[in-house]
C-alpha atoms as a PDB file:
ATOM      1  CA  UNK A   1      43.464  17.406 -57.469  1.00  0.00           C
ATOM      2  CA  UNK A   2      41.201  14.429 -58.044  1.00  0.00           C
ATOM      3  CA  UNK A   3      42.573  12.677 -54.942  1.00  0.00           C
ATOM      4  CA  UNK A   4      41.650  15.669 -52.793  1.00  0.00           C
ATOM      5  CA  UNK A   5      38.202  15.711 -54.357  1.00  0.00           C
ATOM      6  CA  UNK A   6      37.734  12.006 -53.583  1.00  0.00           C
ATOM      7  CA  UNK A   7      38.929  12.455 -50.003  1.00  0.00           C
ATOM      8  CA  UNK A   8      36.613  15.382 -49.559  1.00  0.00           C
ATOM      9  CA  UNK A   9      33.675  13.329 -50.888  1.00  0.00           C
ATOM     10  CA  UNK A  10      34.598  10.401 -48.636  1.00  0.00           C
ATOM     11  CA  UNK A  11      34.923  12.632 -45.552  1.00  0.00           C
ATOM     12  CA  UNK A  12      31.563  14.296 -46.211  1.00  0.00           C
ATOM     13  CA  UNK A  13      29.968  10.878 -46.608  1.00  0.00           C
ATOM     14  CA  UNK A  14      31.381   9.638 -43.299  1.00  0.00           C
ATOM     15  CA  UNK A  15      30.720  12.715 -41.155  1.00  0.00           C
ATOM     16  CA  UNK A  16      26.909  12.266 -41.004  1.00  0.00           C
ATOM     17  CA  UNK A  17      27.338   8.612 -40.033  1.00  0.00           C
ATOM     18  CA  UNK A  18      29.815   9.479 -37.254  1.00  0.00           C
ATOM     19  CA  UNK A  19      27.571  12.270 -35.965  1.00  0.00           C
ATOM     20  CA  UNK A  20      24.591   9.871 -35.891  1.00  0.00           C
ATOM     21  CA  UNK A  21      26.519   7.297 -33.881  1.00  0.00           C
ATOM     22  CA  UNK A  22      27.729   9.923 -31.402  1.00  0.00           C
ATOM     23  CA  UNK A  23      24.245  11.361 -30.969  1.00  0.00           C
ATOM     24  CA  UNK A  24      22.757   7.922 -30.362  1.00  0.00           C
ATOM     25  CA  UNK A  25      25.450   7.092 -27.816  1.00  0.00           C
ATOM     26  CA  UNK A  26      24.975  10.406 -26.028  1.00  0.00           C
ATOM     27  CA  UNK A  27      21.204  10.011 -25.910  1.00  0.00           C
ATOM     28  CA  UNK A  28      21.274   6.490 -24.512  1.00  0.00           C
ATOM     29  CA  UNK A  29      21.064   4.902 -27.927  1.00  0.00           C
ATOM     30  CA  UNK A  30      21.738   1.566 -26.245  1.00  0.00           C
ATOM     31  CA  UNK A  31      18.415   2.011 -24.474  1.00  0.00           C
ATOM     32  CA  UNK A  32      19.916   2.016 -20.970  1.00  0.00           C
ATOM     33  CA  UNK A  33      18.118   4.269 -18.501  1.00  0.00           C
ATOM     34  CA  UNK A  34      19.856   5.321 -15.288  1.00  0.00           C
ATOM     35  CA  UNK A  35      18.455   5.479 -11.774  1.00  0.00           C
ATOM     36  CA  UNK A  36      20.578   7.008  -9.036  1.00  0.00           C
ATOM     37  CA  UNK A  37      19.791   5.934  -5.485  1.00  0.00           C
ATOM     38  CA  UNK A  38      21.071   6.649  -1.990  1.00  0.00           C
ATOM     39  CA  UNK A  39      21.320   4.036   0.767  1.00  0.00           C
ATOM     40  CA  UNK A  40      21.751   5.059   4.392  1.00  0.00           C
ATOM     41  CA  UNK A  41      20.527   4.170   7.823  1.00  0.00           C
ATOM     42  CA  UNK A  42      17.518   3.422   7.437  1.00  0.00           C
ATOM     43  CA  UNK A  43      16.297   4.321   3.984  1.00  0.00           C
ATOM     44  CA  UNK A  44      16.589   3.643   0.282  1.00  0.00           C
ATOM     45  CA  UNK A  45      15.955   6.741  -1.790  1.00  0.00           C
ATOM     46  CA  UNK A  46      15.945   6.426  -5.586  1.00  0.00           C
ATOM     47  CA  UNK A  47      15.804   9.723  -7.499  1.00  0.00           C
ATOM     48  CA  UNK A  48      12.704   8.403  -9.293  1.00  0.00           C
ATOM     49  CA  UNK A  49      10.051   5.946  -8.137  1.00  0.00           C
ATOM     50  CA  UNK A  50       9.189   4.664 -11.601  1.00  0.00           C
ATOM     51  CA  UNK A  51      10.807   4.164 -14.990  1.00  0.00           C
ATOM     52  CA  UNK A  52      10.009   2.632 -18.376  1.00  0.00           C
ATOM     53  CA  UNK A  53      10.789  -1.035 -18.936  1.00  0.00           C
ATOM     54  CA  UNK A  54      14.060  -2.133 -20.501  1.00  0.00           C
ATOM     55  CA  UNK A  55      17.672  -1.941 -19.437  1.00  0.00           C
ATOM     56  CA  UNK A  56      18.090   0.061 -16.243  1.00  0.00           C
ATOM     57  CA  UNK A  57      21.423   0.977 -14.680  1.00  0.00           C
ATOM     58  CA  UNK A  58      21.159   1.473 -10.924  1.00  0.00           C
ATOM     59  CA  UNK A  59      23.926   3.773  -9.655  1.00  0.00           C
ATOM     60  CA  UNK A  60      23.802   3.346  -5.903  1.00  0.00           C
ATOM     61  CA  UNK A  61      25.682   5.447  -3.348  1.00  0.00           C
ATOM     62  CA  UNK A  62      26.157   4.163   0.175  1.00  0.00           C
ATOM     63  CA  UNK A  63      25.681   7.431   2.023  1.00  0.00           C
ATOM     64  CA  UNK A  64      25.441   5.651   5.367  1.00  0.00           C
ATOM     65  CA  UNK A  65      28.022   4.701   7.943  1.00  0.00           C
ATOM     66  CA  UNK A  66      27.950   0.924   7.490  1.00  0.00           C
ATOM     67  CA  UNK A  67      27.765  -1.597   4.618  1.00  0.00           C
ATOM     68  CA  UNK A  68      24.508  -1.854   2.667  1.00  0.00           C
ATOM     69  CA  UNK A  69      23.249  -3.769  -0.363  1.00  0.00           C
ATOM     70  CA  UNK A  70      20.534  -3.296  -2.959  1.00  0.00           C
ATOM     71  CA  UNK A  71      18.256  -6.233  -3.762  1.00  0.00           C
ATOM     72  CA  UNK A  72      15.772  -5.805  -6.634  1.00  0.00           C
ATOM     73  CA  UNK A  73      12.633  -7.899  -6.083  1.00  0.00           C
ATOM     74  CA  UNK A  74       9.632  -8.211  -8.379  1.00  0.00           C
ATOM     75  CA  UNK A  75       6.521  -8.343  -6.203  1.00  0.00           C
ATOM     76  CA  UNK A  76       2.917  -7.217  -6.030  1.00  0.00           C
ATOM     77  CA  UNK A  77       3.261  -7.027  -2.235  1.00  0.00           C
ATOM     78  CA  UNK A  78       3.777  -3.658  -0.599  1.00  0.00           C
ATOM     79  CA  UNK A  79       7.354  -2.877   0.354  1.00  0.00           C
ATOM     80  CA  UNK A  80       6.713  -3.616   4.046  1.00  0.00           C
ATOM     81  CA  UNK A  81       4.860  -6.914   3.464  1.00  0.00           C
ATOM     82  CA  UNK A  82       7.577  -9.211   2.109  1.00  0.00           C
ATOM     83  CA  UNK A  83       7.952 -12.546   3.935  1.00  0.00           C
ATOM     84  CA  UNK A  84      10.546 -12.285   6.734  1.00  0.00           C
ATOM     85  CA  UNK A  85      12.361 -15.009   8.668  1.00  0.00           C
ATOM     86  CA  UNK A  86      14.631 -14.027  11.579  1.00  0.00           C
ATOM     87  CA  UNK A  87      14.726 -10.394  10.438  1.00  0.00           C
ATOM     88  CA  UNK A  88      15.641 -11.196   6.841  1.00  0.00           C
ATOM     89  CA  UNK A  89      13.408 -11.237   3.758  1.00  0.00           C
ATOM     90  CA  UNK A  90      13.093 -14.909   2.817  1.00  0.00           C
ATOM     91  CA  UNK A  91      14.885 -14.867  -0.527  1.00  0.00           C
ATOM     92  CA  UNK A  92      13.501 -18.322  -1.386  1.00  0.00           C
ATOM     93  CA  UNK A  93       9.938 -16.933  -1.324  1.00  0.00           C
ATOM     94  CA  UNK A  94      10.412 -13.781  -3.422  1.00  0.00           C
ATOM     95  CA  UNK A  95      11.349 -13.146  -7.053  1.00  0.00           C
ATOM     96  CA  UNK A  96      14.845 -11.658  -6.880  1.00  0.00           C
ATOM     97  CA  UNK A  97      15.773 -10.052 -10.190  1.00  0.00           C
ATOM     98  CA  UNK A  98      19.336  -9.076  -9.252  1.00  0.00           C
ATOM     99  CA  UNK A  99      21.353  -7.434  -6.513  1.00  0.00           C
ATOM    100  CA  UNK A 100      24.355  -5.350  -5.645  1.00  0.00           C
ATOM    101  CA  UNK A 101      26.208  -7.257  -2.926  1.00  0.00           C
ATOM    102  CA  UNK A 102      27.011  -5.438   0.339  1.00  0.00           C
ATOM    103  CA  UNK A 103      29.420  -2.549  -0.205  1.00  0.00           C
ATOM    104  CA  UNK A 104      31.223  -0.124   2.069  1.00  0.00           C
ATOM    105  CA  UNK A 105      30.006   3.217   3.346  1.00  0.00           C
ATOM    106  CA  UNK A 106      31.162   6.140   1.251  1.00  0.00           C
ATOM    107  CA  UNK A 107      31.358   4.139  -1.980  1.00  0.00           C
ATOM    108  CA  UNK A 108      29.180   3.786  -5.069  1.00  0.00           C
ATOM    109  CA  UNK A 109      28.298   0.632  -6.999  1.00  0.00           C
ATOM    110  CA  UNK A 110      26.254   0.044 -10.125  1.00  0.00           C
ATOM    111  CA  UNK A 111      24.331  -2.743 -11.775  1.00  0.00           C
ATOM    112  CA  UNK A 112      22.468  -2.880 -15.086  1.00  0.00           C
ATOM    113  CA  UNK A 113      19.375  -5.078 -15.210  1.00  0.00           C
ATOM    114  CA  UNK A 114      16.650  -5.718 -17.768  1.00  0.00           C
ATOM    115  CA  UNK A 115      13.325  -4.914 -16.101  1.00  0.00           C
ATOM    116  CA  UNK A 116       9.905  -5.843 -17.437  1.00  0.00           C
ATOM    117  CA  UNK A 117       6.845  -3.751 -16.636  1.00  0.00           C
ATOM    118  CA  UNK A 118       5.581  -4.475 -13.142  1.00  0.00           C
ATOM    119  CA  UNK A 119       5.869  -3.702  -9.449  1.00  0.00           C
ATOM    120  CA  UNK A 120       9.201  -4.030  -7.687  1.00  0.00           C
ATOM    121  CA  UNK A 121      10.608  -3.551  -4.208  1.00  0.00           C
ATOM    122  CA  UNK A 122      14.150  -2.325  -3.591  1.00  0.00           C
ATOM    123  CA  UNK A 123      15.579  -3.485  -0.255  1.00  0.00           C
ATOM    124  CA  UNK A 124      18.699  -3.880   1.830  1.00  0.00           C
ATOM    125  CA  UNK A 125      18.503  -7.401   3.259  1.00  0.00           C
ATOM    126  CA  UNK A 126      21.460  -7.266   5.639  1.00  0.00           C
ATOM    127  CA  UNK A 127      20.856  -8.628   9.123  1.00  0.00           C
ATOM    128  CA  UNK A 128      23.370  -7.988  11.882  1.00  0.00           C
ATOM    129  CA  UNK A 129      23.543 -10.358  14.833  1.00  0.00           C
ATOM    130  CA  UNK A 130      25.688  -9.251  17.741  1.00  0.00           C
ATOM    131  CA  UNK A 131      25.632 -11.588  20.775  1.00  0.00           C
ATOM    132  CA  UNK A 132      23.651 -10.077  23.620  1.00  0.00           C
ATOM    133  CA  UNK A 133      22.003  -7.452  21.390  1.00  0.00           C
ATOM    134  CA  UNK A 134      18.747  -7.488  19.427  1.00  0.00           C
ATOM    135  CA  UNK A 135      18.912  -8.509  15.759  1.00  0.00           C
ATOM    136  CA  UNK A 136      19.365  -5.476  13.501  1.00  0.00           C
ATOM    137  CA  UNK A 137      17.391  -6.002  10.292  1.00  0.00           C
ATOM    138  CA  UNK A 138      18.041  -3.294   7.719  1.00  0.00           C
ATOM    139  CA  UNK A 139      14.804  -4.244   5.911  1.00  0.00           C
ATOM    140  CA  UNK A 140      12.695  -4.074   9.078  1.00  0.00           C
ATOM    141  CA  UNK A 141      14.305  -0.758  10.086  1.00  0.00           C
ATOM    142  CA  UNK A 142      13.020   0.805   6.849  1.00  0.00           C
ATOM    143  CA  UNK A 143      15.529   0.056   4.090  1.00  0.00           C
ATOM    144  CA  UNK A 144      12.854  -0.689   1.508  1.00  0.00           C
ATOM    145  CA  UNK A 145      10.917   1.181  -1.139  1.00  0.00           C
ATOM    146  CA  UNK A 146       8.387   0.471  -3.872  1.00  0.00           C
ATOM    147  CA  UNK A 147       9.555   0.897  -7.468  1.00  0.00           C
ATOM    148  CA  UNK A 148       7.315   0.796 -10.543  1.00  0.00           C
ATOM    149  CA  UNK A 149       8.339  -0.166 -14.076  1.00  0.00           C
ATOM    150  CA  UNK A 150       5.924   0.861 -16.847  1.00  0.00           C
ATOM    151  CA  UNK A 151       5.579  -0.109 -20.523  1.00  0.00           C
END
């Protein structure tokens, strides 16, 4: 009888701790916030345009018909004013925080980054060059959007 009493005491001592851990995990206890975004010809559409600073998981769906990428740039410039060379944002002249490399249409990729408060621009920086045709710059065709991170 005393063993059962001890087990019962032990179980009741552990249950609140387990419940706390599960609640923290379910509520983003790790502090990771999630931003879903859609990429397609010729737009980037996050479900929110701003978020609090900290760890942010971008869950990005390529809803277009060709490969796209997501480049996260910290910049005070407007989304259409980044420096461009030959149709591509000059990655040597901007502050790239991270990126999701080009991925196929109909798929979803994700990336978790630690973002400080500030202004950001989300872009697709793919440039297609087909001989005899004009350069197709995803950025210049509109695959860009402003994104704000607050304290």
